[in-house]
């Protein structure tokens, strides 16, 4: 679902160009360009949402914008610290983003796998359970934040299925992206070739699909929407 206003299309194109540059940096370097390109991505996506919507914006749009802001903090804040502190800053930013996404998608839960095709809950629950089972023995003092994040992330992916197919795929890709981060961070010797590239590729696809799905949804009359 491509946004209709020309400025929104231009901003979406800008996001795609930035994403391509960032992913090229992940593959080819130099590493020094990784963070500067990463911190531009969520602002570009948020500006696209602003350009594609009009005031008064729906509750769904406002919350998604807030989630993008906290995602940006998760991208940017780790540069201010090192080691476990940097990791906790990243987790904190994205934990709040996931909570906001859950709040945004919750009014649509009756259309999600929580109420329809409940058998689809099995792969979501299985993925989160398997991830925690593999990572928990290695988390140490980070056990509580990792468990909390895993549960909220899984819930976000589940309730994202209630908005539409675009957000459902985005939620699943977010789960995949953060699972790769957890495996790379906690399981000794477990990493995939070009792991940073795959983490960012799935993350950027997830955010873009969630945003495009939301823009599609707000064009459809819905009783659960409210202006802000």
N, C-alpha and C. Protein backbone atom coordinates (compact mmCIF):
# COMPACT_ATOMS: atom_id res chain seq x y z
N UNK A 1 0.86 -1.18 0.00
CA UNK A 1 0.00 0.00 0.00
C UNK A 1 0.90 1.23 0.00
N UNK A 2 1.06 1.86 -1.18
CA UNK A 2 1.89 3.04 -1.31
C UNK A 2 1.08 4.27 -0.91
N UNK A 3 1.61 5.14 -0.03
CA UNK A 3 0.86 6.34 0.37
C UNK A 3 0.59 7.23 -0.84
N UNK A 4 -0.57 7.89 -0.84
CA UNK A 4 -0.99 8.65 -2.00
C UNK A 4 -0.35 10.03 -2.12
N UNK A 5 -0.29 10.85 -1.04
CA UNK A 5 0.27 12.19 -1.21
C UNK A 5 1.71 12.14 -1.72
N UNK A 6 2.04 13.04 -2.65
CA UNK A 6 3.37 13.06 -3.24
C UNK A 6 4.48 13.22 -2.20
N UNK A 7 4.34 14.14 -1.21
CA UNK A 7 5.41 14.24 -0.20
C UNK A 7 5.63 12.92 0.55
N UNK A 8 4.54 12.21 0.83
CA UNK A 8 4.67 10.92 1.53
C UNK A 8 5.41 9.92 0.66
N UNK A 9 5.13 9.91 -0.64
CA UNK A 9 5.82 9.00 -1.54
C UNK A 9 7.31 9.33 -1.61
N UNK A 10 7.62 10.64 -1.62
CA UNK A 10 9.02 11.05 -1.66
C UNK A 10 9.75 10.63 -0.38
N UNK A 11 9.07 10.76 0.76
CA UNK A 11 9.68 10.37 2.02
C UNK A 11 9.83 8.85 2.12
N UNK A 12 8.87 8.11 1.57
CA UNK A 12 9.01 6.66 1.54
C UNK A 12 10.21 6.27 0.67
N UNK A 13 10.36 6.96 -0.47
CA UNK A 13 11.52 6.69 -1.31
C UNK A 13 12.83 7.01 -0.58
N UNK A 14 12.81 8.09 0.20
CA UNK A 14 14.00 8.46 0.98
C UNK A 14 14.33 7.38 2.00
N UNK A 15 13.29 6.87 2.66
CA UNK A 15 13.51 5.78 3.61
C UNK A 15 14.12 4.57 2.92
N UNK A 16 13.59 4.21 1.75
CA UNK A 16 14.09 3.04 1.04
C UNK A 16 15.54 3.23 0.61
N UNK A 17 15.90 4.44 0.20
CA UNK A 17 17.29 4.72 -0.18
C UNK A 17 18.20 4.62 1.05
N UNK A 18 17.76 5.23 2.16
CA UNK A 18 18.55 5.14 3.39
C UNK A 18 18.70 3.69 3.85
N UNK A 19 17.62 2.92 3.73
CA UNK A 19 17.68 1.52 4.12
C UNK A 19 18.68 0.76 3.25
N UNK A 20 18.65 1.03 1.95
CA UNK A 20 19.59 0.36 1.04
C UNK A 20 21.03 0.73 1.37
N UNK A 21 21.27 2.00 1.66
CA UNK A 21 22.63 2.44 2.02
C UNK A 21 23.08 1.76 3.32
N UNK A 22 22.17 1.74 4.30
CA UNK A 22 22.53 1.14 5.59
C UNK A 22 22.82 -0.35 5.43
N UNK A 23 22.01 -1.05 4.67
CA UNK A 23 22.23 -2.48 4.47
C UNK A 23 23.51 -2.74 3.69
N UNK A 24 23.84 -1.85 2.74
CA UNK A 24 25.11 -1.97 2.03
C UNK A 24 26.29 -1.79 2.98
N UNK A 25 26.15 -0.86 3.92
CA UNK A 25 27.19 -0.66 4.93
C UNK A 25 27.34 -1.92 5.78
N UNK A 26 26.21 -2.54 6.13
CA UNK A 26 26.27 -3.77 6.92
C UNK A 26 27.05 -4.86 6.18
N UNK A 27 26.89 -4.90 4.88
CA UNK A 27 27.56 -5.94 4.09
C UNK A 27 29.01 -5.58 3.76
N UNK A 28 29.24 -4.32 3.44
CA UNK A 28 30.53 -3.94 2.85
C UNK A 28 31.38 -3.01 3.71
N UNK A 29 30.73 -2.37 4.74
CA UNK A 29 31.46 -1.40 5.53
C UNK A 29 31.48 -0.05 4.83
N UNK A 30 32.16 0.95 5.42
CA UNK A 30 32.89 0.87 6.68
C UNK A 30 31.95 0.88 7.89
N UNK A 31 32.36 0.22 8.96
CA UNK A 31 31.55 0.11 10.16
C UNK A 31 31.21 1.47 10.76
N UNK A 32 32.10 2.44 10.58
CA UNK A 32 31.87 3.78 11.14
C UNK A 32 30.62 4.43 10.58
N UNK A 33 30.15 3.98 9.42
CA UNK A 33 28.94 4.57 8.82
C UNK A 33 27.66 3.89 9.29
N UNK A 34 27.78 2.81 10.03
CA UNK A 34 26.60 2.04 10.39
C UNK A 34 25.63 2.83 11.27
N UNK A 35 26.13 3.35 12.40
CA UNK A 35 25.25 4.07 13.32
C UNK A 35 24.68 5.34 12.70
N UNK A 36 25.49 6.19 12.01
CA UNK A 36 24.91 7.40 11.42
C UNK A 36 23.78 7.12 10.43
N UNK A 37 23.91 6.06 9.64
CA UNK A 37 22.82 5.75 8.71
C UNK A 37 21.63 5.15 9.44
N UNK A 38 21.89 4.37 10.50
CA UNK A 38 20.80 3.73 11.23
C UNK A 38 19.90 4.74 11.91
N UNK A 39 20.48 5.79 12.49
CA UNK A 39 19.66 6.73 13.26
C UNK A 39 18.79 7.62 12.37
N UNK A 40 19.00 7.59 11.07
CA UNK A 40 18.16 8.39 10.16
C UNK A 40 16.92 7.63 9.70
N UNK A 41 16.89 6.31 9.91
CA UNK A 41 15.85 5.49 9.30
C UNK A 41 14.47 5.69 9.90
N UNK A 42 14.34 5.60 11.21
CA UNK A 42 13.02 5.75 11.83
C UNK A 42 12.46 7.17 11.69
N UNK A 43 13.31 8.23 11.80
CA UNK A 43 12.76 9.56 11.52
C UNK A 43 12.19 9.68 10.11
N UNK A 44 12.86 9.09 9.12
CA UNK A 44 12.34 9.14 7.74
C UNK A 44 11.00 8.44 7.64
N UNK A 45 10.86 7.31 8.32
CA UNK A 45 9.60 6.57 8.28
C UNK A 45 8.50 7.34 9.01
N UNK A 46 8.85 7.95 10.15
CA UNK A 46 7.86 8.73 10.89
C UNK A 46 7.39 9.94 10.10
N UNK A 47 8.32 10.62 9.43
CA UNK A 47 7.94 11.77 8.60
C UNK A 47 7.02 11.34 7.47
N UNK A 48 7.26 10.16 6.93
CA UNK A 48 6.38 9.65 5.88
C UNK A 48 4.96 9.46 6.41
N UNK A 49 4.84 8.92 7.63
CA UNK A 49 3.52 8.73 8.23
C UNK A 49 2.83 10.08 8.42
N UNK A 50 3.57 11.07 8.91
CA UNK A 50 3.00 12.40 9.10
C UNK A 50 2.52 12.99 7.77
N UNK A 51 3.31 12.81 6.72
CA UNK A 51 2.94 13.35 5.41
C UNK A 51 1.75 12.61 4.80
N UNK A 52 1.57 11.34 5.16
CA UNK A 52 0.51 10.53 4.57
C UNK A 52 -0.81 10.65 5.31
N UNK A 53 -0.84 11.31 6.45
CA UNK A 53 -2.06 11.41 7.26
C UNK A 53 -2.37 12.87 7.55
N UNK A 54 -3.61 13.10 7.89
CA UNK A 54 -4.07 14.46 8.18
C UNK A 54 -4.58 14.55 9.61
N UNK A 55 -4.56 15.76 10.14
CA UNK A 55 -5.15 16.00 11.45
C UNK A 55 -6.67 16.03 11.33
N UNK A 56 -7.39 15.59 12.36
CA UNK A 56 -6.88 14.92 13.56
C UNK A 56 -6.51 13.47 13.26
N UNK A 57 -5.32 13.06 13.67
CA UNK A 57 -4.85 11.71 13.38
C UNK A 57 -5.49 10.72 14.34
N UNK A 58 -5.73 9.52 13.83
CA UNK A 58 -6.38 8.49 14.64
C UNK A 58 -5.46 8.03 15.76
N UNK A 59 -6.06 7.42 16.75
CA UNK A 59 -5.31 6.84 17.86
C UNK A 59 -4.25 5.87 17.35
N UNK A 60 -4.60 5.06 16.37
CA UNK A 60 -3.67 4.08 15.81
C UNK A 60 -2.44 4.77 15.23
N UNK A 61 -2.63 5.82 14.45
CA UNK A 61 -1.52 6.52 13.83
C UNK A 61 -0.64 7.18 14.89
N UNK A 62 -1.25 7.83 15.87
CA UNK A 62 -0.47 8.51 16.91
C UNK A 62 0.39 7.52 17.69
N UNK A 63 -0.17 6.38 18.03
CA UNK A 63 0.59 5.39 18.77
C UNK A 63 1.71 4.78 17.92
N UNK A 64 1.47 4.57 16.65
CA UNK A 64 2.52 4.05 15.78
C UNK A 64 3.65 5.07 15.65
N UNK A 65 3.32 6.34 15.56
CA UNK A 65 4.35 7.37 15.55
C UNK A 65 5.18 7.33 16.84
N UNK A 66 4.49 7.15 17.97
CA UNK A 66 5.21 7.05 19.25
C UNK A 66 6.12 5.83 19.27
N UNK A 67 5.65 4.72 18.72
CA UNK A 67 6.47 3.51 18.67
C UNK A 67 7.71 3.73 17.81
N UNK A 68 7.57 4.47 16.73
CA UNK A 68 8.73 4.77 15.89
C UNK A 68 9.74 5.64 16.63
N UNK A 69 9.25 6.56 17.44
CA UNK A 69 10.16 7.40 18.23
C UNK A 69 10.95 6.55 19.21
N UNK A 70 10.29 5.65 19.91
CA UNK A 70 10.99 4.80 20.87
C UNK A 70 11.90 3.79 20.16
N UNK A 71 11.51 3.36 18.96
CA UNK A 71 12.41 2.52 18.17
C UNK A 71 13.67 3.29 17.80
N UNK A 72 13.50 4.56 17.45
CA UNK A 72 14.66 5.40 17.15
C UNK A 72 15.57 5.51 18.37
N UNK A 73 14.98 5.66 19.56
CA UNK A 73 15.80 5.70 20.77
C UNK A 73 16.55 4.38 20.95
N UNK A 74 15.89 3.26 20.66
CA UNK A 74 16.57 1.98 20.73
C UNK A 74 17.71 1.87 19.75
N UNK A 75 17.58 2.53 18.60
CA UNK A 75 18.67 2.55 17.62
C UNK A 75 19.81 3.47 18.05
N UNK A 76 19.46 4.62 18.65
CA UNK A 76 20.45 5.67 18.88
C UNK A 76 21.13 5.61 20.24
N UNK A 77 20.40 5.27 21.31
CA UNK A 77 20.96 5.36 22.65
C UNK A 77 22.15 4.44 22.91
N UNK A 78 22.22 3.24 22.33
CA UNK A 78 23.39 2.40 22.61
C UNK A 78 24.72 3.03 22.24
N UNK A 79 24.72 4.03 21.35
CA UNK A 79 25.97 4.71 20.99
C UNK A 79 26.54 5.51 22.15
N UNK A 80 25.71 5.77 23.18
CA UNK A 80 26.15 6.58 24.32
C UNK A 80 26.80 5.75 25.42
N UNK A 81 26.82 4.43 25.26
CA UNK A 81 27.35 3.57 26.33
C UNK A 81 28.05 2.37 25.71
N UNK A 82 28.50 1.47 26.56
CA UNK A 82 29.20 0.27 26.11
C UNK A 82 28.70 -0.94 26.88
N UNK A 83 28.96 -2.12 26.34
CA UNK A 83 28.69 -3.37 27.05
C UNK A 83 27.24 -3.56 27.42
N UNK A 84 27.02 -4.06 28.66
CA UNK A 84 25.67 -4.34 29.12
C UNK A 84 24.80 -3.09 29.18
N UNK A 85 25.41 -1.95 29.49
CA UNK A 85 24.64 -0.70 29.56
C UNK A 85 24.07 -0.34 28.19
N UNK A 86 24.88 -0.47 27.16
CA UNK A 86 24.41 -0.19 25.80
C UNK A 86 23.28 -1.15 25.41
N UNK A 87 23.44 -2.42 25.78
CA UNK A 87 22.41 -3.40 25.45
C UNK A 87 21.12 -3.09 26.18
N UNK A 88 21.21 -2.70 27.45
CA UNK A 88 20.01 -2.37 28.22
C UNK A 88 19.32 -1.13 27.67
N UNK A 89 20.09 -0.15 27.20
CA UNK A 89 19.48 1.03 26.59
C UNK A 89 18.72 0.64 25.32
N UNK A 90 19.30 -0.24 24.52
CA UNK A 90 18.60 -0.71 23.33
C UNK A 90 17.32 -1.45 23.71
N UNK A 91 17.43 -2.37 24.67
CA UNK A 91 16.26 -3.14 25.10
C UNK A 91 15.18 -2.21 25.66
N UNK A 92 15.59 -1.21 26.45
CA UNK A 92 14.61 -0.29 27.04
C UNK A 92 13.84 0.47 25.95
N UNK A 93 14.57 1.00 24.97
CA UNK A 93 13.90 1.73 23.89
C UNK A 93 12.92 0.85 23.13
N UNK A 94 13.35 -0.34 22.78
CA UNK A 94 12.49 -1.21 22.00
C UNK A 94 11.40 -1.86 22.84
N UNK A 95 11.65 -2.06 24.13
CA UNK A 95 10.59 -2.57 25.00
C UNK A 95 9.42 -1.59 25.04
N UNK A 96 9.72 -0.31 25.23
CA UNK A 96 8.64 0.69 25.24
C UNK A 96 7.97 0.74 23.88
N UNK A 97 8.76 0.65 22.80
CA UNK A 97 8.16 0.65 21.46
C UNK A 97 7.20 -0.52 21.29
N UNK A 98 7.60 -1.70 21.77
CA UNK A 98 6.73 -2.87 21.64
C UNK A 98 5.45 -2.71 22.47
N UNK A 99 5.58 -2.15 23.66
CA UNK A 99 4.40 -1.90 24.49
C UNK A 99 3.45 -0.94 23.78
N UNK A 100 4.00 0.09 23.17
CA UNK A 100 3.16 1.06 22.45
C UNK A 100 2.50 0.39 21.25
N UNK A 101 3.23 -0.45 20.54
CA UNK A 101 2.62 -1.19 19.43
C UNK A 101 1.48 -2.09 19.93
N UNK A 102 1.68 -2.74 21.06
CA UNK A 102 0.61 -3.58 21.61
C UNK A 102 -0.62 -2.73 21.90
N UNK A 103 -0.42 -1.56 22.51
CA UNK A 103 -1.55 -0.65 22.79
C UNK A 103 -2.22 -0.20 21.50
N UNK A 104 -1.42 0.04 20.46
CA UNK A 104 -1.98 0.48 19.18
C UNK A 104 -2.84 -0.60 18.54
N UNK A 105 -2.38 -1.85 18.61
CA UNK A 105 -3.06 -2.94 17.93
C UNK A 105 -4.15 -3.61 18.77
N UNK A 106 -4.15 -3.35 20.07
CA UNK A 106 -5.07 -4.05 20.97
C UNK A 106 -6.54 -3.89 20.58
N UNK A 107 -7.00 -2.70 20.15
CA UNK A 107 -8.42 -2.59 19.77
C UNK A 107 -8.83 -3.51 18.63
N UNK A 108 -7.85 -4.06 17.90
CA UNK A 108 -8.14 -4.92 16.76
C UNK A 108 -7.97 -6.40 17.10
N UNK A 109 -7.84 -6.70 18.40
CA UNK A 109 -7.54 -8.08 18.82
C UNK A 109 -8.63 -9.08 18.44
N UNK A 110 -9.88 -8.61 18.31
CA UNK A 110 -10.96 -9.53 17.94
C UNK A 110 -10.77 -10.09 16.54
N UNK A 111 -9.97 -9.41 15.72
CA UNK A 111 -9.69 -9.89 14.37
C UNK A 111 -8.35 -10.62 14.30
N UNK A 112 -7.68 -10.74 15.44
CA UNK A 112 -6.35 -11.37 15.46
C UNK A 112 -6.45 -12.86 15.73
N UNK A 113 -5.30 -13.51 15.75
CA UNK A 113 -5.27 -14.95 16.03
C UNK A 113 -5.63 -15.26 17.48
N UNK A 114 -5.77 -14.23 18.31
CA UNK A 114 -6.28 -14.46 19.66
C UNK A 114 -7.73 -14.95 19.64
N UNK A 115 -8.46 -14.57 18.57
CA UNK A 115 -9.87 -14.93 18.47
C UNK A 115 -10.21 -15.69 17.20
N UNK A 116 -9.41 -15.56 16.16
CA UNK A 116 -9.67 -16.24 14.91
C UNK A 116 -8.47 -17.12 14.56
N UNK A 117 -8.75 -18.29 14.03
CA UNK A 117 -7.69 -19.24 13.66
C UNK A 117 -6.67 -19.37 14.80
N UNK A 118 -7.18 -19.72 15.96
CA UNK A 118 -6.33 -19.75 17.15
C UNK A 118 -5.19 -20.74 17.05
N UNK A 119 -5.30 -21.70 16.16
CA UNK A 119 -4.19 -22.65 15.99
C UNK A 119 -2.91 -21.93 15.58
N UNK A 120 -3.04 -20.72 14.99
CA UNK A 120 -1.85 -19.96 14.60
C UNK A 120 -1.09 -19.41 15.80
N UNK A 121 -1.70 -19.45 16.98
CA UNK A 121 -0.97 -19.06 18.18
C UNK A 121 0.17 -20.01 18.47
N UNK A 122 0.04 -21.25 18.02
CA UNK A 122 1.06 -22.26 18.33
C UNK A 122 2.44 -21.87 17.82
N UNK A 123 2.61 -21.47 16.54
CA UNK A 123 3.95 -21.09 16.10
C UNK A 123 4.50 -19.86 16.81
N UNK A 124 3.64 -18.90 17.14
CA UNK A 124 4.12 -17.72 17.87
C UNK A 124 4.61 -18.12 19.26
N UNK A 125 3.78 -18.87 19.99
CA UNK A 125 4.16 -19.30 21.33
C UNK A 125 5.40 -20.20 21.28
N UNK A 126 5.44 -21.07 20.28
CA UNK A 126 6.59 -21.96 20.15
C UNK A 126 7.87 -21.21 19.87
N UNK A 127 7.80 -20.19 19.02
CA UNK A 127 8.99 -19.41 18.68
C UNK A 127 9.53 -18.68 19.91
N UNK A 128 8.63 -18.05 20.67
CA UNK A 128 9.07 -17.32 21.86
C UNK A 128 9.61 -18.28 22.92
N UNK A 129 8.91 -19.39 23.12
CA UNK A 129 9.35 -20.37 24.12
C UNK A 129 10.71 -20.95 23.75
N UNK A 130 10.91 -21.29 22.48
CA UNK A 130 12.19 -21.84 22.05
C UNK A 130 13.31 -20.82 22.21
N UNK A 131 13.02 -19.57 21.87
CA UNK A 131 14.02 -18.52 22.01
C UNK A 131 14.43 -18.35 23.47
N UNK A 132 13.44 -18.31 24.37
CA UNK A 132 13.76 -18.16 25.79
C UNK A 132 14.52 -19.37 26.32
N UNK A 133 14.14 -20.55 25.87
CA UNK A 133 14.78 -21.78 26.34
C UNK A 133 16.26 -21.80 25.95
N UNK A 134 16.57 -21.31 24.75
CA UNK A 134 17.96 -21.29 24.29
C UNK A 134 18.76 -20.17 24.95
N UNK A 135 18.13 -19.01 25.14
CA UNK A 135 18.88 -17.84 25.60
C UNK A 135 18.99 -17.71 27.11
N UNK A 136 17.94 -18.10 27.84
CA UNK A 136 17.89 -17.84 29.29
C UNK A 136 19.11 -18.36 30.05
N UNK A 137 19.63 -19.55 29.75
CA UNK A 137 20.80 -20.01 30.52
C UNK A 137 22.02 -19.11 30.41
N UNK A 138 22.04 -18.20 29.42
CA UNK A 138 23.21 -17.37 29.18
C UNK A 138 22.96 -15.89 29.49
N UNK A 139 21.79 -15.55 30.02
CA UNK A 139 21.45 -14.13 30.19
C UNK A 139 22.03 -13.51 31.45
N UNK A 140 22.32 -14.30 32.47
CA UNK A 140 22.89 -13.77 33.71
C UNK A 140 22.01 -12.72 34.35
N UNK A 141 22.59 -11.54 34.65
CA UNK A 141 21.84 -10.48 35.33
C UNK A 141 20.78 -9.86 34.44
N UNK A 142 20.81 -10.17 33.14
CA UNK A 142 19.83 -9.62 32.21
C UNK A 142 18.61 -10.51 32.06
N UNK A 143 18.47 -11.51 32.92
CA UNK A 143 17.38 -12.48 32.79
C UNK A 143 16.01 -11.81 32.77
N UNK A 144 15.73 -10.95 33.74
CA UNK A 144 14.39 -10.35 33.85
C UNK A 144 14.06 -9.49 32.64
N UNK A 145 14.94 -8.53 32.23
CA UNK A 145 14.58 -7.74 31.05
C UNK A 145 14.44 -8.57 29.78
N UNK A 146 15.24 -9.63 29.65
CA UNK A 146 15.14 -10.47 28.45
C UNK A 146 13.81 -11.22 28.44
N UNK A 147 13.41 -11.79 29.59
CA UNK A 147 12.13 -12.48 29.66
C UNK A 147 10.97 -11.53 29.39
N UNK A 148 11.01 -10.36 30.00
CA UNK A 148 9.94 -9.38 29.80
C UNK A 148 9.85 -8.97 28.34
N UNK A 149 11.01 -8.70 27.75
CA UNK A 149 11.00 -8.28 26.35
C UNK A 149 10.47 -9.38 25.44
N UNK A 150 10.87 -10.61 25.70
CA UNK A 150 10.40 -11.72 24.88
C UNK A 150 8.89 -11.87 24.92
N UNK A 151 8.31 -11.73 26.11
CA UNK A 151 6.86 -11.86 26.25
C UNK A 151 6.12 -10.73 25.53
N UNK A 152 6.62 -9.50 25.71
CA UNK A 152 5.96 -8.35 25.07
C UNK A 152 6.12 -8.43 23.55
N UNK A 153 7.30 -8.83 23.09
CA UNK A 153 7.53 -8.97 21.66
C UNK A 153 6.58 -10.00 21.05
N UNK A 154 6.43 -11.14 21.72
CA UNK A 154 5.51 -12.16 21.23
C UNK A 154 4.08 -11.67 21.18
N UNK A 155 3.66 -10.93 22.22
CA UNK A 155 2.30 -10.38 22.24
C UNK A 155 2.11 -9.38 21.12
N UNK A 156 3.10 -8.54 20.87
CA UNK A 156 2.99 -7.58 19.77
C UNK A 156 2.79 -8.29 18.45
N UNK A 157 3.58 -9.34 18.20
CA UNK A 157 3.45 -10.07 16.95
C UNK A 157 2.07 -10.69 16.81
N UNK A 158 1.53 -11.19 17.91
CA UNK A 158 0.21 -11.81 17.89
C UNK A 158 -0.88 -10.78 17.59
N UNK A 159 -0.90 -9.67 18.32
CA UNK A 159 -1.98 -8.70 18.12
C UNK A 159 -1.84 -7.94 16.81
N UNK A 160 -0.63 -7.92 16.23
CA UNK A 160 -0.46 -7.26 14.93
C UNK A 160 -1.27 -7.97 13.85
N UNK A 161 -1.60 -9.24 14.06
CA UNK A 161 -2.39 -9.98 13.07
C UNK A 161 -3.82 -9.47 12.97
N UNK A 162 -4.27 -8.67 13.92
CA UNK A 162 -5.64 -8.17 13.89
C UNK A 162 -5.84 -6.96 13.01
N UNK A 163 -4.75 -6.26 12.65
CA UNK A 163 -4.89 -5.04 11.86
C UNK A 163 -5.09 -5.40 10.39
N UNK A 164 -4.13 -6.06 9.79
CA UNK A 164 -4.25 -6.61 8.44
C UNK A 164 -3.03 -7.46 8.15
N UNK A 165 -2.97 -7.99 6.95
CA UNK A 165 -1.87 -8.91 6.59
C UNK A 165 -0.53 -8.20 6.61
N UNK A 166 -0.50 -6.93 6.19
CA UNK A 166 0.77 -6.19 6.17
C UNK A 166 1.37 -6.10 7.57
N UNK A 167 0.55 -5.70 8.54
CA UNK A 167 1.08 -5.58 9.91
C UNK A 167 1.39 -6.95 10.49
N UNK A 168 0.64 -7.96 10.11
CA UNK A 168 0.92 -9.31 10.60
C UNK A 168 2.30 -9.78 10.16
N UNK A 169 2.60 -9.57 8.88
CA UNK A 169 3.93 -9.95 8.38
C UNK A 169 5.01 -9.09 9.05
N UNK A 170 4.72 -7.80 9.22
CA UNK A 170 5.66 -6.93 9.91
C UNK A 170 5.94 -7.38 11.34
N UNK A 171 4.88 -7.75 12.05
CA UNK A 171 5.05 -8.23 13.42
C UNK A 171 5.88 -9.50 13.48
N UNK A 172 5.64 -10.41 12.54
CA UNK A 172 6.41 -11.66 12.49
C UNK A 172 7.88 -11.39 12.18
N UNK A 173 8.14 -10.45 11.26
CA UNK A 173 9.52 -10.11 10.94
C UNK A 173 10.23 -9.43 12.11
N UNK A 174 9.49 -8.63 12.88
CA UNK A 174 10.07 -8.01 14.08
C UNK A 174 10.47 -9.11 15.06
N UNK A 175 9.63 -10.09 15.23
CA UNK A 175 9.96 -11.21 16.10
C UNK A 175 11.21 -11.93 15.61
N UNK A 176 11.31 -12.13 14.30
CA UNK A 176 12.48 -12.80 13.73
C UNK A 176 13.74 -11.96 13.93
N UNK A 177 13.64 -10.66 13.68
CA UNK A 177 14.80 -9.79 13.82
C UNK A 177 15.34 -9.78 15.25
N UNK A 178 14.44 -9.60 16.21
CA UNK A 178 14.88 -9.54 17.60
C UNK A 178 15.34 -10.91 18.11
N UNK A 179 14.80 -11.97 17.53
CA UNK A 179 15.29 -13.31 17.87
C UNK A 179 16.74 -13.48 17.43
N UNK A 180 17.07 -12.96 16.25
CA UNK A 180 18.45 -13.02 15.79
C UNK A 180 19.38 -12.24 16.72
N UNK A 181 18.91 -11.07 17.18
CA UNK A 181 19.72 -10.28 18.12
C UNK A 181 19.97 -11.07 19.39
N UNK A 182 18.91 -11.69 19.92
CA UNK A 182 19.04 -12.44 21.17
C UNK A 182 20.00 -13.62 21.01
N UNK A 183 19.87 -14.33 19.91
CA UNK A 183 20.75 -15.48 19.68
C UNK A 183 22.21 -15.05 19.54
N UNK A 184 22.42 -13.95 18.81
CA UNK A 184 23.80 -13.46 18.63
C UNK A 184 24.38 -12.94 19.94
N UNK A 185 23.52 -12.38 20.79
CA UNK A 185 23.99 -11.74 22.02
C UNK A 185 24.26 -12.73 23.14
N UNK A 186 23.46 -13.81 23.20
CA UNK A 186 23.50 -14.66 24.39
C UNK A 186 24.02 -16.08 24.17
N UNK A 187 23.88 -16.60 22.99
CA UNK A 187 24.26 -18.00 22.79
C UNK A 187 25.68 -18.06 22.25
N UNK A 188 26.62 -18.56 23.02
CA UNK A 188 28.03 -18.56 22.59
C UNK A 188 28.23 -19.31 21.27
N UNK A 189 28.92 -18.65 20.37
CA UNK A 189 29.27 -19.29 19.10
C UNK A 189 28.14 -19.41 18.11
N UNK A 190 26.95 -18.88 18.45
CA UNK A 190 25.81 -19.00 17.54
C UNK A 190 25.59 -17.68 16.82
N UNK A 191 25.88 -17.68 15.54
CA UNK A 191 25.65 -16.51 14.72
C UNK A 191 25.50 -16.98 13.28
N UNK A 192 24.77 -16.23 12.52
CA UNK A 192 24.62 -16.55 11.10
C UNK A 192 25.56 -15.67 10.30
N UNK A 193 26.01 -16.12 9.15
CA UNK A 193 26.85 -15.27 8.30
C UNK A 193 26.15 -13.95 8.00
N UNK A 194 26.90 -12.86 8.10
CA UNK A 194 26.35 -11.53 7.88
C UNK A 194 25.14 -11.28 8.80
N UNK A 195 25.31 -11.65 10.07
CA UNK A 195 24.20 -11.54 11.01
C UNK A 195 23.66 -10.13 11.15
N UNK A 196 24.54 -9.13 11.19
CA UNK A 196 24.08 -7.75 11.30
C UNK A 196 23.20 -7.33 10.14
N UNK A 197 23.55 -7.78 8.95
CA UNK A 197 22.74 -7.47 7.77
C UNK A 197 21.34 -8.05 7.91
N UNK A 198 21.24 -9.33 8.32
CA UNK A 198 19.93 -9.97 8.42
C UNK A 198 19.09 -9.38 9.54
N UNK A 199 19.73 -8.99 10.65
CA UNK A 199 19.00 -8.32 11.72
C UNK A 199 18.37 -7.04 11.21
N UNK A 200 19.16 -6.21 10.53
CA UNK A 200 18.65 -4.93 10.07
C UNK A 200 17.68 -5.09 8.90
N UNK A 201 17.93 -6.06 8.02
CA UNK A 201 17.01 -6.26 6.89
C UNK A 201 15.62 -6.64 7.38
N UNK A 202 15.55 -7.57 8.33
CA UNK A 202 14.24 -7.98 8.84
C UNK A 202 13.61 -6.87 9.68
N UNK A 203 14.42 -6.13 10.43
CA UNK A 203 13.92 -5.02 11.25
C UNK A 203 13.31 -3.93 10.38
N UNK A 204 14.03 -3.53 9.34
CA UNK A 204 13.54 -2.45 8.48
C UNK A 204 12.31 -2.88 7.70
N UNK A 205 12.32 -4.11 7.22
CA UNK A 205 11.12 -4.62 6.54
C UNK A 205 9.94 -4.66 7.49
N UNK A 206 10.19 -5.06 8.75
CA UNK A 206 9.12 -5.12 9.74
C UNK A 206 8.50 -3.76 9.98
N UNK A 207 9.34 -2.77 10.23
CA UNK A 207 8.82 -1.42 10.52
C UNK A 207 8.08 -0.86 9.31
N UNK A 208 8.63 -1.06 8.12
CA UNK A 208 7.98 -0.53 6.92
C UNK A 208 6.62 -1.19 6.68
N UNK A 209 6.55 -2.50 6.84
CA UNK A 209 5.28 -3.20 6.63
C UNK A 209 4.25 -2.83 7.68
N UNK A 210 4.68 -2.66 8.93
CA UNK A 210 3.75 -2.23 9.97
C UNK A 210 3.17 -0.86 9.63
N UNK A 211 4.04 0.06 9.24
CA UNK A 211 3.59 1.42 8.91
C UNK A 211 2.65 1.40 7.70
N UNK A 212 3.02 0.69 6.65
CA UNK A 212 2.16 0.66 5.46
C UNK A 212 0.84 -0.03 5.76
N UNK A 213 0.87 -1.06 6.60
CA UNK A 213 -0.37 -1.71 7.00
C UNK A 213 -1.28 -0.79 7.79
N UNK A 214 -0.69 -0.01 8.66
CA UNK A 214 -1.47 0.94 9.45
C UNK A 214 -2.08 2.01 8.55
N UNK A 215 -1.31 2.52 7.60
CA UNK A 215 -1.84 3.52 6.69
C UNK A 215 -3.00 2.95 5.88
N UNK A 216 -2.90 1.70 5.51
CA UNK A 216 -4.01 1.06 4.80
C UNK A 216 -5.23 0.94 5.71
N UNK A 217 -4.99 0.58 6.96
CA UNK A 217 -6.11 0.37 7.89
C UNK A 217 -6.86 1.67 8.17
N UNK A 218 -6.15 2.77 8.32
CA UNK A 218 -6.83 4.01 8.70
C UNK A 218 -7.67 4.57 7.57
N UNK A 219 -7.50 4.04 6.37
CA UNK A 219 -8.37 4.45 5.27
C UNK A 219 -9.68 3.68 5.26
N UNK A 220 -9.77 2.67 6.13
CA UNK A 220 -10.97 1.86 6.22
C UNK A 220 -11.76 2.28 7.44
N UNK A 221 -13.03 2.66 7.31
CA UNK A 221 -13.82 3.03 8.48
C UNK A 221 -13.79 1.94 9.53
N UNK A 222 -13.59 2.35 10.78
CA UNK A 222 -13.45 1.35 11.85
C UNK A 222 -13.99 1.96 13.14
N UNK A 223 -14.84 1.22 13.81
CA UNK A 223 -15.47 1.74 15.03
C UNK A 223 -14.48 1.92 16.17
N UNK A 224 -13.32 1.25 16.12
CA UNK A 224 -12.38 1.35 17.21
C UNK A 224 -11.44 2.51 17.08
N UNK A 225 -11.55 3.29 16.00
CA UNK A 225 -10.69 4.44 15.82
C UNK A 225 -11.22 5.61 16.63
N UNK A 226 -10.30 6.45 17.09
CA UNK A 226 -10.69 7.70 17.76
C UNK A 226 -9.66 8.76 17.43
N UNK A 227 -10.11 9.99 17.21
CA UNK A 227 -9.21 11.06 16.87
C UNK A 227 -8.44 11.52 18.09
N UNK A 228 -7.19 11.98 17.83
CA UNK A 228 -6.34 12.53 18.88
C UNK A 228 -5.87 13.89 18.44
